[in-house]
Protein backbone atom coordinates (compact mmCIF):
# COMPACT_ATOMS: atom_id res chain seq x y z
CA MET A 1 40.17 61.32 54.50
CA LYS A 2 39.14 60.03 57.28
CA GLY A 3 35.60 59.34 56.95
CA LEU A 4 33.36 61.93 56.70
CA ILE A 5 35.74 63.71 58.49
CA SER A 6 38.47 66.00 56.79
CA ARG A 7 40.25 67.68 59.83
CA ILE A 8 42.59 70.37 58.77
CA ALA A 9 45.27 72.41 60.09
CA ILE A 10 46.57 76.29 59.00
CA PHE A 11 49.18 78.19 60.39
CA SER A 12 49.13 82.18 60.68
CA ASP A 13 50.77 83.97 62.87
CA CYS A 14 48.58 86.22 64.19
CA ASN A 15 50.94 89.86 64.71
CA SER A 16 49.59 90.93 61.57
CA PRO A 17 46.44 91.43 59.68
CA GLY A 18 48.23 91.25 56.40
CA GLY A 19 46.78 88.86 53.34
CA VAL A 20 48.12 85.26 55.27
CA TRP A 21 45.49 85.65 58.35
CA VAL A 22 42.51 87.07 56.52
CA TYR A 23 43.32 84.21 53.86
CA SER A 24 43.52 82.39 57.26
CA LEU A 25 40.73 82.52 58.44
CA ARG A 26 38.12 83.11 54.98
CA THR A 27 39.56 79.84 54.15
CA ALA A 28 38.87 78.14 57.48
CA LYS A 29 34.83 79.81 57.19
CA MET A 30 34.82 77.93 54.10
CA PHE A 31 35.78 74.61 55.00
CA VAL A 32 33.47 75.03 59.21
CA ALA A 33 30.26 75.77 55.92
CA ASP A 34 31.14 72.70 55.29
CA GLU A 35 30.39 69.74 58.47
CA ASN A 36 32.61 67.78 56.65
CA PHE A 37 35.13 69.85 58.06
CA CYS A 38 36.72 70.17 60.74
CA SER A 39 39.74 72.81 61.34
CA VAL A 40 42.37 74.31 63.52
CA LEU A 41 44.35 77.18 63.45
CA ILE A 42 48.69 77.23 65.27
CA THR A 43 49.34 80.00 66.24
CA HIS A 44 51.40 82.19 68.65
CA PRO A 45 50.24 83.51 72.33
CA ALA A 46 49.02 86.68 71.79
CA ARG A 47 52.07 90.23 72.99
CA ASN A 48 49.01 92.89 73.19
CA ASP A 49 45.51 94.06 72.48
CA GLU A 50 45.49 94.17 69.00
CA GLU A 51 46.62 90.29 68.21
CA LYS A 52 44.03 89.02 71.35
CA LYS A 53 41.36 90.80 69.03
CA ARG A 54 42.67 88.51 66.24
CA ILE A 55 42.78 84.66 68.18
CA LEU A 56 39.66 86.10 69.41
CA THR A 57 37.84 86.88 65.95
CA ALA A 58 39.40 83.29 64.59
CA SER A 59 38.10 81.47 68.39
CA SER A 60 34.82 81.96 66.15
CA ILE A 61 35.58 80.68 62.63
CA PHE A 62 38.60 77.95 63.61
CA ASN A 63 36.51 74.55 65.62
CA LYS A 64 40.26 74.94 67.92
CA ILE A 65 42.70 76.97 68.35
CA VAL A 66 46.49 75.76 69.06
CA TYR A 67 49.48 77.54 70.54
CA ILE A 68 53.05 76.94 69.92
CA ARG A 69 55.53 78.96 71.18
CA ARG A 70 57.18 81.87 69.36
CA PRO A 71 60.88 82.15 67.45
CA VAL A 72 63.92 83.91 68.07
CA SER A 73 63.72 85.49 63.91
CA ASP A 74 60.50 84.39 61.84
CA PHE A 75 62.54 84.03 58.56
CA LEU A 76 66.13 82.53 59.91
CA PRO A 77 65.63 78.71 60.50
CA ASP A 78 64.86 77.48 63.85
CA ILE A 79 65.05 73.39 64.27
CA ALA A 80 64.15 72.43 67.62
CA LEU A 81 61.18 75.02 66.94
CA ALA A 82 60.52 73.39 63.69
CA LYS A 83 60.90 69.77 65.90
CA GLU A 84 58.16 71.96 68.77
CA PHE A 85 55.98 72.34 65.28
CA ALA A 86 56.31 68.76 64.20
CA SER A 87 55.39 67.35 67.66
CA THR A 88 52.66 69.68 68.51
CA ILE A 89 51.13 68.57 64.27
CA ASN A 90 51.44 64.39 64.73
CA SER A 91 49.65 64.76 68.10
CA LEU A 92 46.91 67.20 66.26
CA ASP A 93 44.94 63.79 64.26
CA ILE A 94 45.18 65.94 61.06
CA ASP A 95 44.46 65.08 57.47
CA ILE A 96 46.21 67.83 56.41
CA TYR A 97 48.22 70.68 57.13
CA ILE A 98 48.62 73.87 55.48
CA PRO A 99 52.30 75.73 56.62
CA ASN A 100 52.02 78.78 55.24
CA TYR A 101 53.94 80.86 54.87
CA ARG A 102 56.87 80.58 57.95
CA ASN A 103 60.51 79.12 57.64
CA TYR A 104 60.16 77.09 60.34
CA THR A 105 56.54 76.01 59.87
CA TYR A 106 58.34 74.28 56.35
CA VAL A 107 61.30 72.72 58.36
CA ALA A 108 59.02 71.28 60.75
CA LEU A 109 57.51 68.69 56.86
CA HIS A 110 60.75 66.89 57.60
CA TRP A 111 59.58 65.58 61.00
CA ILE A 112 55.44 65.17 60.69
CA ASN A 113 53.76 61.77 60.22
CA LYS A 114 53.42 60.00 56.06
CA SER A 115 50.06 59.93 56.88
CA VAL A 116 49.76 63.74 57.14
CA ALA A 117 49.19 65.83 53.73
CA SER A 118 50.21 68.81 53.78
CA ILE A 119 49.75 71.64 50.80
CA GLY A 120 51.12 74.89 50.51
CA VAL A 121 50.23 78.46 49.60
CA CYS A 122 52.93 80.15 47.27
CA HIS A 123 51.30 83.37 48.79
CA ASN A 124 53.27 85.20 46.68
CA ASN A 125 54.78 86.15 43.69
CA HIS A 126 58.46 87.59 45.17
CA HIS A 127 60.72 85.09 44.82
CA SER A 128 61.44 83.96 48.05
CA TYR A 129 57.85 82.10 48.80
CA PHE A 130 59.34 80.61 45.24
CA ASN A 131 62.25 79.44 46.52
CA VAL A 132 60.32 77.78 48.92
CA ILE A 133 58.25 75.80 47.80
CA ARG A 134 60.53 74.71 45.61
CA ARG A 135 62.76 73.53 48.22
CA TYR A 136 60.58 71.23 50.11
CA ILE A 137 58.00 69.78 46.79
CA THR A 138 59.52 66.85 47.59
CA LEU A 139 57.23 67.16 51.57
CA LEU A 140 54.57 68.93 49.92
CA GLY A 141 51.61 66.75 48.90
CA GLY A 142 50.19 69.85 46.44
CA VAL A 143 50.63 73.50 45.77
CA ILE A 144 47.81 75.93 45.76
CA CYS A 145 48.40 79.46 43.78
CA PRO A 146 45.83 82.23 43.91
CA ASN A 147 47.44 83.51 40.38
CA SER A 148 47.14 81.84 37.82
CA GLU A 149 50.82 83.07 36.92
CA ALA A 150 52.56 81.99 39.90
CA ALA A 151 51.47 78.17 39.07
CA THR A 152 52.23 78.55 35.18
CA ILE A 153 56.44 79.63 36.85
CA LEU A 154 56.02 76.54 39.28
CA ASN A 155 54.32 74.15 37.55
CA ASN A 156 57.62 74.48 34.39
CA ASP A 157 60.39 74.70 37.18
CA LEU A 158 58.66 71.52 38.91
CA LYS A 159 57.36 69.52 36.60
CA ARG A 160 58.44 66.32 36.88
CA PHE A 161 57.68 66.18 40.34
CA ASP A 162 54.45 64.23 40.60
CA VAL A 163 53.36 67.34 42.59
CA PRO A 164 49.56 69.25 41.84
CA ILE A 165 50.45 72.32 41.75
CA ASN A 166 47.06 74.25 40.94
CA TYR A 167 45.81 77.63 40.83
CA ILE A 168 42.56 78.59 42.85
CA PRO A 169 42.02 81.39 43.81
CA HIS A 170 40.88 82.67 47.60
CA TYR A 171 37.08 82.45 48.65
CA ILE A 172 35.59 86.27 48.83
CA GLU A 173 32.86 85.67 51.23
CA PRO A 174 29.65 87.84 50.86
CA LEU A 175 30.51 90.75 52.42
CA ILE A 176 26.35 91.28 53.21
CA GLU A 177 24.63 89.37 54.19
CA GLY A 178 21.86 88.30 51.92
CA GLY A 179 23.41 89.38 48.93
CA SER A 180 24.24 92.58 47.65
CA GLY A 181 21.51 94.88 49.52
CA LEU A 182 24.66 97.51 50.36
CA THR A 183 26.90 98.09 46.38
CA ARG A 184 27.97 100.33 45.07
CA GLN A 185 25.91 99.27 42.06
CA SER A 186 22.09 100.83 44.31
CA GLU A 187 24.18 103.65 44.24
CA VAL A 188 25.12 105.06 41.34
CA THR A 189 23.16 109.11 40.66
CA GLN A 190 24.50 111.32 38.40
CA ILE A 191 28.04 110.17 38.73
CA GLU A 192 28.39 111.97 35.74
CA ASN A 193 28.00 115.42 37.37
CA THR A 194 31.35 117.32 36.98
CA ASP A 195 30.68 119.16 40.40
CA ARG A 196 30.62 115.49 42.35
CA PRO A 197 34.09 114.47 43.25
CA LEU A 198 35.15 111.49 42.15
CA SER A 199 35.76 109.63 44.47
CA LEU A 200 38.44 106.53 45.14
CA ILE A 201 39.97 104.39 47.93
CA TYR A 202 43.02 102.22 48.60
CA PHE A 203 43.14 99.94 51.70
CA GLY A 204 45.65 97.72 52.90
CA ARG A 205 49.48 98.09 53.36
CA ILE A 206 51.20 100.92 53.25
CA GLU A 207 54.34 100.09 51.95
CA LYS A 208 56.88 101.15 49.15
CA GLU A 209 58.52 97.16 48.18
CA GLN A 210 55.43 95.57 47.25
CA LYS A 211 52.64 98.16 47.64
CA GLU A 212 54.39 101.01 45.79
CA ILE A 213 52.31 103.45 47.82
CA PHE A 214 53.57 106.91 46.88
CA GLU A 215 51.76 105.36 42.75
CA LEU A 216 48.72 106.67 44.15
CA LEU A 217 50.07 110.06 44.10
CA ASN A 218 50.44 110.48 41.34
CA ILE A 219 47.22 108.89 39.93
CA VAL A 220 45.72 111.76 42.26
CA LYS A 221 47.97 115.10 40.68
CA SER A 222 46.65 113.70 37.25
CA LEU A 223 43.40 113.45 37.47
CA GLN A 224 42.79 116.59 38.93
CA SER A 225 44.31 118.37 35.83
CA LYS A 226 41.49 116.82 34.62
CA HIS A 227 38.66 116.88 37.31
CA GLN A 228 37.69 119.89 39.22
CA ASN A 229 37.58 117.54 42.24
CA VAL A 230 39.83 114.51 43.18
CA MET A 231 39.20 112.71 46.68
CA LEU A 232 40.92 109.66 47.64
CA LYS A 233 40.85 107.79 51.45
CA VAL A 234 43.87 105.29 51.97
CA ILE A 235 42.90 103.42 54.69
CA GLY A 236 45.29 101.55 56.65
CA ASP A 237 49.28 101.30 57.89
CA GLY A 238 51.78 99.92 57.80
CA LYS A 239 56.01 101.38 58.69
CA GLU A 240 55.34 103.80 55.24
CA LYS A 241 52.73 105.70 57.14
CA PRO A 242 54.86 108.39 58.27
CA ASN A 243 56.66 109.69 54.97
CA PHE A 244 53.22 109.11 53.32
CA ILE A 245 51.45 111.71 55.05
CA ASN A 246 54.65 113.85 55.41
CA GLU A 247 54.85 113.79 51.14
CA VAL A 248 50.49 114.44 50.93
CA LYS A 249 51.88 117.75 52.52
CA LYS A 250 54.57 118.29 50.89
CA LEU A 251 52.24 117.91 47.91
CA GLY A 252 49.95 120.13 49.37
CA LEU A 253 47.37 117.35 48.54
CA GLU A 254 46.14 117.71 52.16
CA SER A 255 42.10 118.77 49.83
CA SER A 256 42.23 115.87 48.25
CA VAL A 257 43.74 112.76 50.45
CA THR A 258 42.60 111.59 54.06
CA ILE A 259 44.42 109.47 54.88
CA TYR A 260 42.80 106.93 57.89
CA ASP A 261 44.37 103.64 60.70
CA ALA A 262 43.10 100.32 59.63
CA MET A 263 39.89 99.50 60.91
CA GLY A 264 37.95 96.21 60.69
CA ARG A 265 35.31 94.78 57.62
CA GLU A 266 32.37 96.31 58.98
CA ASP A 267 33.88 99.59 59.04
CA LEU A 268 34.90 99.49 56.08
CA ILE A 269 32.33 98.47 53.82
CA PRO A 270 31.21 102.40 53.66
CA PHE A 271 34.16 103.61 52.43
CA ILE A 272 34.61 101.36 50.01
CA VAL A 273 30.45 101.32 48.64
CA ASP A 274 31.06 105.25 49.36
CA SER A 275 33.94 105.52 46.30
CA ASP A 276 33.79 105.29 42.13
CA PHE A 277 36.92 103.83 41.95
CA SER A 278 39.71 100.64 44.27
CA ILE A 279 42.67 101.93 43.21
CA ILE A 280 46.10 99.01 43.62
CA CYS A 281 49.07 99.97 41.36
CA SER A 282 50.98 97.08 43.87
CA ARG A 283 54.77 96.21 41.83
CA TYR A 284 53.01 92.09 42.10
CA GLU A 285 50.75 90.42 44.43
CA GLY A 286 49.98 86.43 45.49
CA PHE A 287 46.13 87.12 45.55
CA CYS A 288 44.21 90.56 45.96
CA TYR A 289 41.90 91.03 48.59
CA SER A 290 41.41 94.45 48.23
CA ALA A 291 40.30 94.64 44.96
CA ALA A 292 37.98 91.26 44.61
CA GLU A 293 36.75 92.91 48.46
CA SER A 294 35.71 95.81 45.82
CA MET A 295 34.33 94.65 42.84
CA ALA A 296 32.13 91.99 45.26
CA LEU A 297 30.75 95.35 46.17
CA GLY A 298 30.20 96.75 42.89
CA VAL A 299 32.94 99.27 43.18
CA PRO A 300 35.53 98.96 39.90
CA VAL A 301 39.07 98.40 40.06
CA ALA A 302 41.68 100.77 38.92
CA CYS A 303 44.55 99.76 38.08
CA TYR A 304 47.99 98.76 37.28
CA LYS A 305 49.22 95.58 35.72
CA ASN A 306 50.74 93.03 37.46
CA ASN A 307 51.41 89.35 36.94
CA ALA A 308 47.39 88.77 39.81
CA MET A 309 45.10 91.11 38.61
CA SER A 310 44.62 89.56 35.66
CA ASP A 311 43.62 86.87 36.51
CA TYR A 312 40.05 88.82 37.45
CA VAL A 313 40.34 92.83 35.94
CA ILE A 314 38.90 92.42 32.72
CA ASN A 315 40.31 96.18 31.05
CA MET A 316 36.62 98.16 30.09
CA ASN A 317 34.69 95.66 31.40
CA ASN A 318 34.94 95.21 35.47
CA GLY A 319 37.69 97.48 35.99
CA ILE A 320 40.90 99.45 34.46
CA GLU A 321 43.76 98.45 34.47
CA VAL A 322 46.65 99.71 32.32
CA GLU A 323 50.21 99.10 32.64
CA TRP A 324 52.52 99.96 35.11
CA GLY A 325 53.64 103.60 35.73
CA ASP A 326 50.67 104.99 33.64
CA GLU A 327 48.55 107.04 35.90
CA ASP A 328 47.48 109.63 32.68
CA GLY A 329 45.88 105.87 30.80
CA LEU A 330 44.59 105.34 34.27
CA ALA A 331 43.33 108.92 35.17
CA ASN A 332 41.98 109.41 31.49
CA ASN A 333 39.81 105.90 31.80
CA MET A 334 38.85 107.48 35.14
CA VAL A 335 37.02 110.07 33.97
CA ALA A 336 35.47 108.56 30.78
CA ILE A 337 33.75 106.49 32.62
CA SER A 338 32.69 107.80 35.19
CA CYS A 339 31.14 110.91 33.39
CA ASP A 340 29.09 108.58 30.96
CA THR A 341 26.68 106.63 33.39
CA GLN A 342 25.43 103.77 32.12
CA ARG A 343 28.67 102.65 30.96
CA TYR A 344 30.35 102.59 34.70
CA GLN A 345 26.81 100.66 35.99
CA SER A 346 27.73 97.94 33.90
CA MET A 347 31.24 98.27 34.70
CA SER A 348 29.61 97.74 38.38
CA GLU A 349 27.39 95.22 38.02
CA ALA A 350 30.43 93.34 36.13
CA ALA A 351 32.82 94.03 38.42
CA ILE A 352 30.04 92.37 41.29
CA ASP A 353 29.31 89.32 38.48
CA THR A 354 33.25 88.16 38.82
CA ILE A 355 33.37 87.67 41.89
CA GLN A 356 30.08 85.64 42.16
CA ASN A 357 30.89 83.41 39.70
CA ASP A 358 34.98 82.74 39.61
CA PHE A 359 34.91 83.50 43.48
CA SER A 360 32.08 81.66 44.98
CA GLU A 361 31.79 79.38 47.89
CA VAL A 362 30.65 76.97 46.15
CA LYS A 363 33.65 77.02 43.13
CA VAL A 364 36.35 77.11 45.70
CA LEU A 365 36.00 74.90 47.25
CA SER A 366 35.30 72.61 45.80
CA GLN A 367 38.88 72.74 44.23
CA TYR A 368 40.49 72.77 47.38
CA LYS A 369 38.50 69.23 47.93
CA ALA A 370 39.83 68.14 44.69
CA ILE A 371 43.69 68.88 45.79
CA PHE A 372 43.24 67.42 49.21
CA GLU A 373 41.89 64.17 47.34
CA LYS A 374 45.24 63.81 45.71
CA ALA A 375 47.27 64.58 47.91
CA TYR A 376 46.18 62.30 51.13
CA SER A 377 45.83 59.64 48.76
CA LYS A 378 49.64 60.10 47.97
CA ARG A 379 50.57 61.42 51.08
CA GLU A 380 52.98 58.05 51.81
CA SER A 381 55.22 58.89 48.73
CA LYS A 382 56.54 62.42 50.17
CA TYR A 383 60.68 62.06 50.95
CA TRP A 384 63.71 64.06 51.31
CA PRO A 385 67.01 63.73 49.39
CA ILE A 386 69.60 61.25 51.34
CA LEU A 387 72.86 63.97 51.19
CA ARG A 388 70.45 67.78 50.73
CA PRO A 389 70.35 69.30 53.84
CA ARG A 390 67.05 70.04 56.30
CA VAL A 391 68.18 74.10 55.32
CA GLU A 392 69.44 76.77 53.52
CA PRO A 393 72.47 76.68 54.19
CA LYS A 394 74.15 80.07 55.95
CA GLY A 395 77.50 81.47 56.27
CA SER A 396 80.19 79.23 57.96
CA GLN A 397 78.35 75.48 56.95
CA ILE A 398 81.13 75.16 54.12
CA LEU A 399 80.59 71.44 53.94
CA GLU A 400 76.34 72.38 53.93
CA ARG A 401 76.37 74.84 51.06
CA VAL A 402 78.39 72.68 49.15
CA MET A 403 76.01 69.89 48.88
CA GLU A 404 73.73 72.33 48.11
CA LEU A 405 75.18 74.00 45.27
CA LEU A 406 76.23 70.12 44.07
CA GLY A 407 72.98 68.22 44.21
CA LYS A 408 71.01 72.11 42.36
CA LYS A 409 74.42 71.85 39.24
CA LEU A 410 73.56 68.34 39.27
CA GLY A 411 69.87 68.25 38.96
CA VAL A 412 69.09 65.91 41.57
CA TRP A 413 67.32 68.72 43.07
CA PHE A 414 66.36 71.84 42.82
């Protein structure tokens, strides 16, 4: 690194309040807390009031914000924009660049100076994220995977490349100033009283493909057969929200399911700590902030098994984890735990301990520093295979497609 200062540029699109944006802000907070780091956000100009609010929040965290024009498509290659993006990176005099998740931010790696080390982040265990890391591995100095399964898969695939691919969970900042003064464990009283509602919460994107939002209703129905009074709070936005509202009405669950718009974390915290369990039924995750933040507040997670949850949810210790789709098993365990105050208290305390021990600023930042240092020390060795097309060939690019497939078949590139 350059002297005592390490300048880090992170790209994140302000168009969404989702996990990558949250990751970018929380990670920058972690860097800024260390006086040896200086962080720069690269994003697009705001188009509406919500994006303006996000950028205003970011401006209070990042040392600097730099704007680039928006692409025609977030997912199709844009060579001209990628070159502009690289030019922006090269003008910033930075040490580390984190492209995050857009196609053109990785294509830009071709033109970024060798004085800069680039770090990929595999935000999701969807094949599209794996494929981007695989394709650009020779231009990356390191890869961060927020769940262990992703790290194992990519290490197995890319072991012939001398690039560190490390499991590093995301940093979870203390949600309450001064410690856990407002947590579920401090609120646990008479939980075994069967007249009180069993209070559940889901907060996040309301979508079917990854989050399997409609499974929440199957869980509610299973619980209703075992508990007289069940209340589920669903907080968030997404393309499936109108359909989800209609399904709640269709199933006659309006008295048991309350739906709220997405809200800021300060407004969200009272809803979390007023819940007995935080419900996660995703098919796959990269890192589940809603699970980790619930646990940080002493609210155990009740979830279906997926690739990420087992990294921090220990079944019947700090949360509940069952096979995917086993709503009866999940319901049975929630009812059993909720009927035993001492057991619930122990689970709540274990949830807090897990986050404080494994997701702290000290622990996560030390792992980031280690991969940054290794990547930076080898930044001059990055390369691109001579005959490989710079972007994934599409449609009529017959020659490029043949070259791409031939290189993969011969094992020249992944």
